């Protein structure tokens, strides 16, 4: 697991795999039953990260920007290898939770 971000307004959780290549948006509003043996419910949305050189990690939900139409935004730190393995850099980015688009 690379990161978990929760947006409690619509009761969603976003999970990122280790290199943040795939994000899964899950609905937390369903009632969980104690003692059930089934795994997680299927995700509401699967989002592919097409920027293969950015590995988002350590994400924090920031909220929704009224100015930009209320998209859910998270702040993520991570590492990048822009075009070549010899150069590895780190940084932070504002990322849309529902589309994985970097602002």
N, C-alpha and C. Protein backbone atom coordinates (compact mmCIF):
# COMPACT_ATOMS: atom_id res chain seq x y z
N UNK A 1 0.85 -1.17 0.00
CA UNK A 1 0.00 0.00 0.00
C UNK A 1 0.90 1.23 0.00
N UNK A 2 0.65 2.12 -0.92
CA UNK A 2 1.44 3.34 -1.01
C UNK A 2 0.87 4.48 -0.20
N UNK A 3 -0.47 4.64 -0.21
CA UNK A 3 -1.10 5.73 0.54
C UNK A 3 -2.59 5.44 0.68
N UNK A 4 -3.18 6.04 1.71
CA UNK A 4 -4.63 5.99 1.92
C UNK A 4 -5.07 7.41 2.25
N UNK A 5 -6.07 7.90 1.53
CA UNK A 5 -6.60 9.25 1.74
C UNK A 5 -8.10 9.13 1.91
N UNK A 6 -8.65 9.75 2.96
CA UNK A 6 -10.10 9.69 3.17
C UNK A 6 -10.73 11.05 2.98
N UNK A 7 -11.84 11.07 2.26
CA UNK A 7 -12.66 12.26 2.03
C UNK A 7 -13.99 11.97 2.71
N UNK A 8 -14.19 12.52 3.90
CA UNK A 8 -15.35 12.15 4.70
C UNK A 8 -16.65 12.82 4.27
N UNK A 9 -16.58 13.83 3.41
CA UNK A 9 -17.81 14.48 2.95
C UNK A 9 -18.70 13.51 2.19
N UNK A 10 -18.19 12.83 1.13
CA UNK A 10 -19.01 11.79 0.50
C UNK A 10 -18.68 10.40 1.04
N UNK A 11 -17.82 10.32 2.05
CA UNK A 11 -17.40 9.05 2.66
C UNK A 11 -16.70 8.15 1.65
N UNK A 12 -15.63 8.67 1.08
CA UNK A 12 -14.80 7.93 0.14
C UNK A 12 -13.40 7.74 0.72
N UNK A 13 -12.73 6.70 0.28
CA UNK A 13 -11.32 6.50 0.60
C UNK A 13 -10.59 6.16 -0.69
N UNK A 14 -9.46 6.80 -0.89
CA UNK A 14 -8.62 6.53 -2.05
C UNK A 14 -7.41 5.75 -1.56
N UNK A 15 -7.13 4.62 -2.20
CA UNK A 15 -5.92 3.86 -1.87
C UNK A 15 -5.02 3.84 -3.09
N UNK A 16 -3.73 4.01 -2.85
CA UNK A 16 -2.73 3.97 -3.91
C UNK A 16 -1.85 2.75 -3.72
N UNK A 17 -1.51 2.07 -4.81
CA UNK A 17 -0.58 0.95 -4.67
C UNK A 17 0.82 1.52 -4.44
N UNK A 18 1.80 0.65 -4.23
CA UNK A 18 3.11 1.08 -3.77
C UNK A 18 3.75 2.14 -4.66
N UNK A 19 3.72 2.02 -5.95
CA UNK A 19 4.33 3.03 -6.82
C UNK A 19 3.30 4.00 -7.38
N UNK A 20 2.11 4.01 -6.83
CA UNK A 20 0.99 4.89 -7.21
C UNK A 20 0.64 4.79 -8.68
N UNK A 21 0.77 3.62 -9.26
CA UNK A 21 0.38 3.42 -10.66
C UNK A 21 -1.13 3.27 -10.79
N UNK A 22 -1.76 2.74 -9.74
CA UNK A 22 -3.21 2.54 -9.75
C UNK A 22 -3.79 3.08 -8.44
N UNK A 23 -4.86 3.85 -8.57
CA UNK A 23 -5.58 4.35 -7.41
C UNK A 23 -6.98 3.73 -7.42
N UNK A 24 -7.46 3.34 -6.27
CA UNK A 24 -8.80 2.77 -6.13
C UNK A 24 -9.62 3.66 -5.22
N UNK A 25 -10.75 4.15 -5.73
CA UNK A 25 -11.66 4.98 -4.94
C UNK A 25 -12.74 4.07 -4.38
N UNK A 26 -12.84 4.04 -3.07
CA UNK A 26 -13.78 3.13 -2.40
C UNK A 26 -14.85 3.92 -1.65
N UNK A 27 -16.04 3.35 -1.60
CA UNK A 27 -17.18 3.93 -0.90
C UNK A 27 -17.17 3.43 0.54
N UNK A 28 -17.10 4.35 1.49
CA UNK A 28 -17.10 3.98 2.90
C UNK A 28 -18.48 4.05 3.53
N UNK A 29 -19.48 4.42 2.76
CA UNK A 29 -20.82 4.60 3.33
C UNK A 29 -21.57 3.29 3.54
N UNK A 30 -21.12 2.21 2.89
CA UNK A 30 -21.81 0.93 3.09
C UNK A 30 -21.55 0.43 4.51
N UNK A 31 -22.50 -0.27 5.04
CA UNK A 31 -22.37 -0.78 6.41
C UNK A 31 -21.50 -2.03 6.41
N UNK A 32 -20.45 -1.98 7.22
CA UNK A 32 -19.59 -3.15 7.36
C UNK A 32 -20.18 -4.03 8.45
N UNK A 33 -20.20 -5.32 8.20
CA UNK A 33 -20.76 -6.25 9.17
C UNK A 33 -19.64 -7.02 9.86
N UNK A 34 -19.66 -6.98 11.18
CA UNK A 34 -18.65 -7.70 11.95
C UNK A 34 -18.83 -9.19 11.73
N UNK A 35 -17.73 -9.89 11.52
CA UNK A 35 -17.78 -11.33 11.36
C UNK A 35 -17.90 -11.80 9.92
N UNK A 36 -18.09 -10.88 8.99
CA UNK A 36 -18.15 -11.29 7.59
C UNK A 36 -16.77 -11.73 7.13
N UNK A 37 -16.73 -12.72 6.30
CA UNK A 37 -15.44 -13.23 5.82
C UNK A 37 -15.08 -12.68 4.46
N UNK A 38 -15.96 -11.90 3.85
CA UNK A 38 -15.66 -11.38 2.52
C UNK A 38 -14.63 -10.26 2.61
N UNK A 39 -13.94 -10.05 1.51
CA UNK A 39 -12.93 -9.00 1.44
C UNK A 39 -13.62 -7.66 1.20
N UNK A 40 -12.84 -6.67 0.82
CA UNK A 40 -13.38 -5.36 0.53
C UNK A 40 -14.41 -5.43 -0.60
N UNK A 41 -15.34 -4.49 -0.60
CA UNK A 41 -16.25 -4.38 -1.73
C UNK A 41 -15.46 -3.86 -2.93
N UNK A 42 -16.00 -4.05 -4.09
CA UNK A 42 -15.33 -3.57 -5.31
C UNK A 42 -15.21 -2.05 -5.26
N UNK A 43 -14.13 -1.50 -5.80
CA UNK A 43 -13.97 -0.05 -5.79
C UNK A 43 -15.00 0.64 -6.68
N UNK A 44 -15.36 1.88 -6.30
CA UNK A 44 -16.25 2.70 -7.12
C UNK A 44 -15.58 3.08 -8.43
N UNK A 45 -14.28 3.29 -8.36
CA UNK A 45 -13.55 3.81 -9.51
C UNK A 45 -12.10 3.34 -9.43
N UNK A 46 -11.56 2.94 -10.57
CA UNK A 46 -10.14 2.61 -10.68
C UNK A 46 -9.50 3.67 -11.56
N UNK A 47 -8.45 4.31 -11.05
CA UNK A 47 -7.80 5.41 -11.76
C UNK A 47 -6.36 5.03 -12.03
N UNK A 48 -5.94 5.09 -13.27
CA UNK A 48 -4.55 4.81 -13.63
C UNK A 48 -3.75 6.10 -13.58
N UNK A 49 -2.55 6.02 -13.05
CA UNK A 49 -1.63 7.15 -13.03
C UNK A 49 -0.77 7.04 -14.28
N UNK A 50 -1.00 7.91 -15.24
CA UNK A 50 -0.30 7.83 -16.52
C UNK A 50 1.07 8.49 -16.48
N UNK A 51 1.38 9.17 -15.38
CA UNK A 51 2.70 9.77 -15.23
C UNK A 51 3.59 8.75 -14.51
N UNK A 52 4.18 7.86 -15.25
CA UNK A 52 4.91 6.73 -14.67
C UNK A 52 6.20 7.12 -13.96
N UNK A 53 6.59 8.38 -14.05
CA UNK A 53 7.82 8.80 -13.38
C UNK A 53 7.55 9.40 -12.01
N UNK A 54 6.29 9.54 -11.61
CA UNK A 54 5.97 10.10 -10.30
C UNK A 54 5.42 9.01 -9.40
N UNK A 55 6.03 8.83 -8.24
CA UNK A 55 5.55 7.88 -7.24
C UNK A 55 4.99 8.67 -6.06
N UNK A 56 3.69 8.90 -6.04
CA UNK A 56 3.07 9.64 -4.94
C UNK A 56 3.08 8.79 -3.68
N UNK A 57 3.46 9.40 -2.58
CA UNK A 57 3.48 8.72 -1.28
C UNK A 57 3.06 9.74 -0.23
N UNK A 58 2.75 9.28 0.94
CA UNK A 58 2.49 10.16 2.08
C UNK A 58 1.51 11.28 1.73
N UNK A 59 0.31 10.91 1.31
CA UNK A 59 -0.70 11.88 0.89
C UNK A 59 -1.59 12.31 2.05
N UNK A 60 -2.06 13.55 1.99
CA UNK A 60 -2.95 14.11 3.00
C UNK A 60 -4.09 14.82 2.30
N UNK A 61 -5.34 14.50 2.67
CA UNK A 61 -6.50 15.16 2.08
C UNK A 61 -6.54 16.60 2.56
N UNK A 62 -6.69 17.55 1.63
CA UNK A 62 -6.73 18.97 1.98
C UNK A 62 -8.14 19.54 2.02
N UNK A 63 -9.04 18.99 1.23
CA UNK A 63 -10.40 19.52 1.18
C UNK A 63 -10.85 19.73 -0.25
N UNK A 64 -11.87 20.57 -0.38
CA UNK A 64 -12.45 20.85 -1.70
C UNK A 64 -12.42 22.35 -1.94
N UNK A 65 -11.92 22.75 -3.11
CA UNK A 65 -11.76 24.16 -3.44
C UNK A 65 -13.03 24.71 -4.08
N UNK A 66 -13.69 25.63 -3.38
CA UNK A 66 -14.91 26.26 -3.91
C UNK A 66 -14.59 27.02 -5.19
N UNK A 67 -13.44 27.65 -5.22
CA UNK A 67 -13.04 28.46 -6.36
C UNK A 67 -12.94 27.65 -7.66
N UNK A 68 -12.62 26.37 -7.54
CA UNK A 68 -12.42 25.53 -8.72
C UNK A 68 -13.50 24.47 -8.90
N UNK A 69 -14.68 24.67 -8.33
CA UNK A 69 -15.79 23.74 -8.52
C UNK A 69 -15.82 22.58 -7.55
N UNK A 70 -15.16 22.71 -6.42
CA UNK A 70 -15.17 21.72 -5.33
C UNK A 70 -14.54 20.37 -5.67
N UNK A 71 -13.45 20.31 -6.43
CA UNK A 71 -12.80 19.00 -6.61
C UNK A 71 -12.07 18.61 -5.33
N UNK A 72 -12.03 17.32 -5.00
CA UNK A 72 -11.28 16.90 -3.82
C UNK A 72 -9.78 16.92 -4.11
N UNK A 73 -9.02 17.58 -3.26
CA UNK A 73 -7.59 17.78 -3.49
C UNK A 73 -6.77 17.16 -2.35
N UNK A 74 -5.68 16.50 -2.70
CA UNK A 74 -4.76 15.97 -1.70
C UNK A 74 -3.35 16.50 -1.98
N UNK A 75 -2.55 16.56 -0.93
CA UNK A 75 -1.15 16.95 -1.04
C UNK A 75 -0.33 15.68 -0.90
N UNK A 76 0.52 15.40 -1.88
CA UNK A 76 1.33 14.18 -1.86
C UNK A 76 2.80 14.52 -2.02
N UNK A 77 3.61 13.84 -1.24
CA UNK A 77 5.05 13.90 -1.48
C UNK A 77 5.41 12.68 -2.31
N UNK A 78 6.58 12.69 -2.88
CA UNK A 78 6.97 11.55 -3.68
C UNK A 78 8.31 11.74 -4.33
N UNK A 79 8.65 10.78 -5.15
CA UNK A 79 9.90 10.83 -5.88
C UNK A 79 9.62 10.73 -7.37
N UNK A 80 10.55 11.19 -8.15
CA UNK A 80 10.38 11.16 -9.60
C UNK A 80 11.72 10.86 -10.26
N UNK A 81 11.66 10.19 -11.38
CA UNK A 81 12.82 9.95 -12.24
C UNK A 81 12.46 10.46 -13.62
N UNK A 82 12.61 11.76 -13.86
CA UNK A 82 12.15 12.34 -15.13
C UNK A 82 13.00 11.91 -16.32
N UNK A 83 12.59 10.83 -16.95
CA UNK A 83 13.23 10.40 -18.18
C UNK A 83 14.44 9.50 -18.05
N UNK A 84 15.11 9.53 -16.91
CA UNK A 84 16.28 8.66 -16.78
C UNK A 84 16.45 8.24 -15.33
N UNK A 85 17.00 7.09 -15.15
CA UNK A 85 17.18 6.53 -13.81
C UNK A 85 18.29 7.25 -13.05
N UNK A 86 19.22 7.87 -13.75
CA UNK A 86 20.36 8.50 -13.10
C UNK A 86 19.97 9.70 -12.25
N UNK A 87 18.83 10.32 -12.54
CA UNK A 87 18.40 11.49 -11.80
C UNK A 87 17.11 11.18 -11.05
N UNK A 88 17.18 11.15 -9.74
CA UNK A 88 16.00 10.92 -8.91
C UNK A 88 15.80 12.17 -8.07
N UNK A 89 14.60 12.74 -8.15
CA UNK A 89 14.30 13.95 -7.39
C UNK A 89 13.06 13.72 -6.54
N UNK A 90 12.90 14.51 -5.52
CA UNK A 90 11.72 14.43 -4.67
C UNK A 90 10.97 15.75 -4.71
N UNK A 91 9.74 15.72 -4.26
CA UNK A 91 8.96 16.94 -4.26
C UNK A 91 7.57 16.70 -3.72
N UNK A 92 6.74 17.74 -3.81
CA UNK A 92 5.35 17.64 -3.38
C UNK A 92 4.46 18.12 -4.51
N UNK A 93 3.20 17.66 -4.50
CA UNK A 93 2.26 18.05 -5.55
C UNK A 93 0.85 18.08 -4.99
N UNK A 94 0.04 18.96 -5.55
CA UNK A 94 -1.40 18.96 -5.30
C UNK A 94 -2.02 18.06 -6.36
N UNK A 95 -2.82 17.09 -5.92
CA UNK A 95 -3.35 16.08 -6.83
C UNK A 95 -4.86 15.97 -6.64
N UNK A 96 -5.61 15.90 -7.75
CA UNK A 96 -7.05 15.69 -7.69
C UNK A 96 -7.31 14.24 -7.29
N UNK A 97 -8.08 14.03 -6.22
CA UNK A 97 -8.34 12.69 -5.70
C UNK A 97 -9.08 11.82 -6.70
N UNK A 98 -10.01 12.39 -7.46
CA UNK A 98 -10.87 11.61 -8.34
C UNK A 98 -10.28 11.36 -9.73
N UNK A 99 -9.23 12.09 -10.11
CA UNK A 99 -8.67 11.91 -11.45
C UNK A 99 -7.16 11.66 -11.44
N UNK A 100 -6.50 11.87 -10.30
CA UNK A 100 -5.05 11.75 -10.17
C UNK A 100 -4.31 12.77 -11.04
N UNK A 101 -4.98 13.84 -11.45
CA UNK A 101 -4.34 14.90 -12.23
C UNK A 101 -3.61 15.83 -11.27
N UNK A 102 -2.35 16.12 -11.59
CA UNK A 102 -1.56 17.05 -10.78
C UNK A 102 -1.95 18.46 -11.16
N UNK A 103 -2.17 19.29 -10.14
CA UNK A 103 -2.55 20.69 -10.42
C UNK A 103 -1.35 21.46 -10.87
